[in-house]
């Protein structure tokens, strides 16, 4: 018997490029919040995606982009989950820093890992993309099919 992997249906995609300035973190979060609302996705999993967005965009701006450079944010709803990607112009992967227990910084990816059901990093075409996937509750945000 051969297992056949079914291709999952991509329902919606949104992406936007932001200037690598600190104010872009809030702007990216608000744009993602608006898209999630447009798609009918709300509740704790949508809140998780907003926190993930803030953390990944902050990391891209602080660690991988020159001031005034670009950070790309992509949101994709696939049948059963939502994936948030943040790309920056630095293709190299930075070595993990030691966590300073009393410090305010250094916990972003730990937080993302705790909220996401899956996450990883990919490098392509001179850019690095950090992505996180969040499983959605059954039936959430599905487009209605006309009878």
C-alpha atoms as a PDB file:
ATOM      1  CA  UNK A   1       0.000   0.000   0.000  1.00  0.00           C
ATOM      2  CA  UNK A   2       1.352   3.405  -0.974  1.00  0.00           C
ATOM      3  CA  UNK A   3       0.552   6.464   1.115  1.00  0.00           C
ATOM      4  CA  UNK A   4      -0.655   9.369  -0.979  1.00  0.00           C
ATOM      5  CA  UNK A   5      -0.048  12.824   0.398  1.00  0.00           C
ATOM      6  CA  UNK A   6      -2.970  15.090  -0.356  1.00  0.00           C
ATOM      7  CA  UNK A   7      -2.223  18.635  -1.401  1.00  0.00           C
ATOM      8  CA  UNK A   8      -3.870  21.033   1.003  1.00  0.00           C
ATOM      9  CA  UNK A   9      -5.903  23.891  -0.378  1.00  0.00           C
ATOM     10  CA  UNK A  10      -4.562  27.432   0.011  1.00  0.00           C
ATOM     11  CA  UNK A  11      -7.568  29.570   0.824  1.00  0.00           C
ATOM     12  CA  UNK A  12      -6.079  33.064   1.071  1.00  0.00           C
ATOM     13  CA  UNK A  13      -2.762  34.873   0.846  1.00  0.00           C
ATOM     14  CA  UNK A  14      -1.775  38.403   1.846  1.00  0.00           C
ATOM     15  CA  UNK A  15       1.657  39.991   1.796  1.00  0.00           C
ATOM     16  CA  UNK A  16       3.158  43.412   2.317  1.00  0.00           C
ATOM     17  CA  UNK A  17       6.621  44.952   2.437  1.00  0.00           C
ATOM     18  CA  UNK A  18       7.479  47.274   5.318  1.00  0.00           C
ATOM     19  CA  UNK A  19      10.368  49.672   5.811  1.00  0.00           C
ATOM     20  CA  UNK A  20      12.757  48.421   8.490  1.00  0.00           C
ATOM     21  CA  UNK A  21      11.952  51.035  11.139  1.00  0.00           C
ATOM     22  CA  UNK A  22      10.718  50.302  14.684  1.00  0.00           C
ATOM     23  CA  UNK A  23       7.314  51.870  13.919  1.00  0.00           C
ATOM     24  CA  UNK A  24       6.781  49.185  11.274  1.00  0.00           C
ATOM     25  CA  UNK A  25       6.285  46.550  13.981  1.00  0.00           C
ATOM     26  CA  UNK A  26       2.965  48.079  15.052  1.00  0.00           C
ATOM     27  CA  UNK A  27       1.956  48.765  11.462  1.00  0.00           C
ATOM     28  CA  UNK A  28       2.632  45.154  10.449  1.00  0.00           C
ATOM     29  CA  UNK A  29       0.679  43.884  13.462  1.00  0.00           C
ATOM     30  CA  UNK A  30      -2.299  46.130  12.608  1.00  0.00           C
ATOM     31  CA  UNK A  31      -2.249  45.019   8.969  1.00  0.00           C
ATOM     32  CA  UNK A  32      -2.157  41.342   9.968  1.00  0.00           C
ATOM     33  CA  UNK A  33      -4.974  41.955  12.478  1.00  0.00           C
ATOM     34  CA  UNK A  34      -7.077  43.544   9.713  1.00  0.00           C
ATOM     35  CA  UNK A  35      -6.447  40.610   7.354  1.00  0.00           C
ATOM     36  CA  UNK A  36      -7.334  38.065  10.027  1.00  0.00           C
ATOM     37  CA  UNK A  37     -10.566  39.960  10.738  1.00  0.00           C
ATOM     38  CA  UNK A  38     -11.355  40.138   7.004  1.00  0.00           C
ATOM     39  CA  UNK A  39     -10.857  36.390   6.823  1.00  0.00           C
ATOM     40  CA  UNK A  40     -13.103  35.772   9.842  1.00  0.00           C
ATOM     41  CA  UNK A  41     -10.245  34.470  11.985  1.00  0.00           C
ATOM     42  CA  UNK A  42     -10.467  35.576  15.588  1.00  0.00           C
ATOM     43  CA  UNK A  43      -9.977  34.382  19.132  1.00  0.00           C
ATOM     44  CA  UNK A  44      -6.893  33.050  20.867  1.00  0.00           C
ATOM     45  CA  UNK A  45      -5.237  31.633  17.747  1.00  0.00           C
ATOM     46  CA  UNK A  46      -5.558  34.993  15.957  1.00  0.00           C
ATOM     47  CA  UNK A  47      -4.074  36.630  19.067  1.00  0.00           C
ATOM     48  CA  UNK A  48      -1.188  34.145  18.898  1.00  0.00           C
ATOM     49  CA  UNK A  49      -0.551  35.142  15.276  1.00  0.00           C
ATOM     50  CA  UNK A  50      -0.431  38.820  16.242  1.00  0.00           C
ATOM     51  CA  UNK A  51       2.161  38.155  18.940  1.00  0.00           C
ATOM     52  CA  UNK A  52       4.150  36.006  16.516  1.00  0.00           C
ATOM     53  CA  UNK A  53       3.998  38.810  13.941  1.00  0.00           C
ATOM     54  CA  UNK A  54       5.302  41.361  16.442  1.00  0.00           C
ATOM     55  CA  UNK A  55       8.173  39.140  17.551  1.00  0.00           C
ATOM     56  CA  UNK A  56       9.301  38.093  14.072  1.00  0.00           C
ATOM     57  CA  UNK A  57       9.084  41.595  12.591  1.00  0.00           C
ATOM     58  CA  UNK A  58      10.951  43.011  15.600  1.00  0.00           C
ATOM     59  CA  UNK A  59      13.711  40.423  15.149  1.00  0.00           C
ATOM     60  CA  UNK A  60      13.979  41.132  11.428  1.00  0.00           C
ATOM     61  CA  UNK A  61      14.274  44.871  12.034  1.00  0.00           C
ATOM     62  CA  UNK A  62      16.673  44.656  14.992  1.00  0.00           C
ATOM     63  CA  UNK A  63      18.973  41.909  13.789  1.00  0.00           C
ATOM     64  CA  UNK A  64      18.782  41.525  10.035  1.00  0.00           C
ATOM     65  CA  UNK A  65      17.870  44.763   8.295  1.00  0.00           C
ATOM     66  CA  UNK A  66      19.642  48.029   7.722  1.00  0.00           C
ATOM     67  CA  UNK A  67      17.614  51.105   8.746  1.00  0.00           C
ATOM     68  CA  UNK A  68      15.359  51.956   5.835  1.00  0.00           C
ATOM     69  CA  UNK A  69      15.748  48.467   4.356  1.00  0.00           C
ATOM     70  CA  UNK A  70      12.803  46.151   3.865  1.00  0.00           C
ATOM     71  CA  UNK A  71      10.986  43.437   5.769  1.00  0.00           C
ATOM     72  CA  UNK A  72       8.368  41.328   4.005  1.00  0.00           C
ATOM     73  CA  UNK A  73       5.390  39.863   5.850  1.00  0.00           C
ATOM     74  CA  UNK A  74       3.255  37.132   4.299  1.00  0.00           C
ATOM     75  CA  UNK A  75       0.130  35.564   5.759  1.00  0.00           C
ATOM     76  CA  UNK A  76      -1.313  32.424   4.223  1.00  0.00           C
ATOM     77  CA  UNK A  77      -4.388  30.496   5.256  1.00  0.00           C
ATOM     78  CA  UNK A  78      -4.178  26.895   4.188  1.00  0.00           C
ATOM     79  CA  UNK A  79      -6.916  24.400   4.890  1.00  0.00           C
ATOM     80  CA  UNK A  80      -6.710  23.993   8.670  1.00  0.00           C
ATOM     81  CA  UNK A  81      -3.911  26.379   9.552  1.00  0.00           C
ATOM     82  CA  UNK A  82      -2.456  29.830   9.096  1.00  0.00           C
ATOM     83  CA  UNK A  83       1.206  30.483   8.315  1.00  0.00           C
ATOM     84  CA  UNK A  84       2.968  33.774   8.968  1.00  0.00           C
ATOM     85  CA  UNK A  85       6.299  34.429   7.236  1.00  0.00           C
ATOM     86  CA  UNK A  86       8.711  37.298   7.820  1.00  0.00           C
ATOM     87  CA  UNK A  87      11.576  37.748   5.344  1.00  0.00           C
ATOM     88  CA  UNK A  88      14.607  39.974   5.704  1.00  0.00           C
ATOM     89  CA  UNK A  89      17.644  40.718   3.531  1.00  0.00           C
ATOM     90  CA  UNK A  90      20.152  38.874   5.713  1.00  0.00           C
ATOM     91  CA  UNK A  91      20.435  35.255   4.529  1.00  0.00           C
ATOM     92  CA  UNK A  92      22.768  34.085   7.282  1.00  0.00           C
ATOM     93  CA  UNK A  93      21.392  32.506  10.401  1.00  0.00           C
ATOM     94  CA  UNK A  94      22.610  34.143  13.567  1.00  0.00           C
ATOM     95  CA  UNK A  95      23.865  31.798  16.286  1.00  0.00           C
ATOM     96  CA  UNK A  96      21.488  31.555  19.238  1.00  0.00           C
ATOM     97  CA  UNK A  97      22.305  33.935  22.064  1.00  0.00           C
ATOM     98  CA  UNK A  98      22.402  32.857  25.658  1.00  0.00           C
ATOM     99  CA  UNK A  99      19.188  33.814  27.386  1.00  0.00           C
ATOM    100  CA  UNK A 100      19.673  36.482  30.028  1.00  0.00           C
ATOM    101  CA  UNK A 101      17.067  35.672  32.650  1.00  0.00           C
ATOM    102  CA  UNK A 102      16.682  39.248  33.895  1.00  0.00           C
ATOM    103  CA  UNK A 103      17.029  40.925  30.523  1.00  0.00           C
ATOM    104  CA  UNK A 104      14.134  42.220  28.479  1.00  0.00           C
ATOM    105  CA  UNK A 105      15.503  40.904  25.193  1.00  0.00           C
ATOM    106  CA  UNK A 106      16.295  37.481  23.808  1.00  0.00           C
ATOM    107  CA  UNK A 107      13.010  35.705  24.363  1.00  0.00           C
ATOM    108  CA  UNK A 108      11.237  36.433  21.071  1.00  0.00           C
ATOM    109  CA  UNK A 109      11.868  33.133  19.313  1.00  0.00           C
ATOM    110  CA  UNK A 110      11.173  31.211  22.524  1.00  0.00           C
ATOM    111  CA  UNK A 111       7.800  32.931  22.678  1.00  0.00           C
ATOM    112  CA  UNK A 112       7.122  32.205  19.005  1.00  0.00           C
ATOM    113  CA  UNK A 113       8.023  28.537  19.510  1.00  0.00           C
ATOM    114  CA  UNK A 114       5.661  28.315  22.475  1.00  0.00           C
ATOM    115  CA  UNK A 115       2.730  29.828  20.529  1.00  0.00           C
ATOM    116  CA  UNK A 116       3.242  28.213  17.124  1.00  0.00           C
ATOM    117  CA  UNK A 117       2.437  24.626  16.245  1.00  0.00           C
ATOM    118  CA  UNK A 118       5.447  24.592  13.934  1.00  0.00           C
ATOM    119  CA  UNK A 119       8.185  27.013  12.915  1.00  0.00           C
ATOM    120  CA  UNK A 120      11.376  27.039  10.903  1.00  0.00           C
ATOM    121  CA  UNK A 121      13.817  29.185   8.943  1.00  0.00           C
ATOM    122  CA  UNK A 122      14.555  29.030   5.218  1.00  0.00           C
ATOM    123  CA  UNK A 123      17.064  30.910   3.088  1.00  0.00           C
ATOM    124  CA  UNK A 124      16.508  31.627  -0.596  1.00  0.00           C
ATOM    125  CA  UNK A 125      17.592  34.256  -3.097  1.00  0.00           C
ATOM    126  CA  UNK A 126      19.759  36.162  -0.628  1.00  0.00           C
ATOM    127  CA  UNK A 127      16.990  36.432   1.979  1.00  0.00           C
ATOM    128  CA  UNK A 128      16.057  34.656   5.180  1.00  0.00           C
ATOM    129  CA  UNK A 129      12.445  33.752   5.957  1.00  0.00           C
ATOM    130  CA  UNK A 130      11.314  32.794   9.441  1.00  0.00           C
ATOM    131  CA  UNK A 131       7.880  31.216   9.436  1.00  0.00           C
ATOM    132  CA  UNK A 132       5.443  30.019  12.056  1.00  0.00           C
ATOM    133  CA  UNK A 133       2.330  27.916  11.581  1.00  0.00           C
ATOM    134  CA  UNK A 134      -0.722  27.998  13.828  1.00  0.00           C
ATOM    135  CA  UNK A 135      -3.447  25.359  13.638  1.00  0.00           C
ATOM    136  CA  UNK A 136      -6.936  26.808  13.407  1.00  0.00           C
ATOM    137  CA  UNK A 137     -10.050  25.552  15.178  1.00  0.00           C
ATOM    138  CA  UNK A 138     -12.257  23.444  12.907  1.00  0.00           C
ATOM    139  CA  UNK A 139     -14.470  25.583  10.687  1.00  0.00           C
ATOM    140  CA  UNK A 140     -12.871  28.911  11.561  1.00  0.00           C
ATOM    141  CA  UNK A 141     -12.565  31.476   8.826  1.00  0.00           C
ATOM    142  CA  UNK A 142     -13.755  29.203   6.053  1.00  0.00           C
ATOM    143  CA  UNK A 143     -15.246  31.018   3.112  1.00  0.00           C
ATOM    144  CA  UNK A 144     -18.907  30.252   2.662  1.00  0.00           C
ATOM    145  CA  UNK A 145     -19.797  28.294  -0.445  1.00  0.00           C
ATOM    146  CA  UNK A 146     -22.937  29.447  -2.241  1.00  0.00           C
ATOM    147  CA  UNK A 147     -25.500  26.710  -2.748  1.00  0.00           C
END
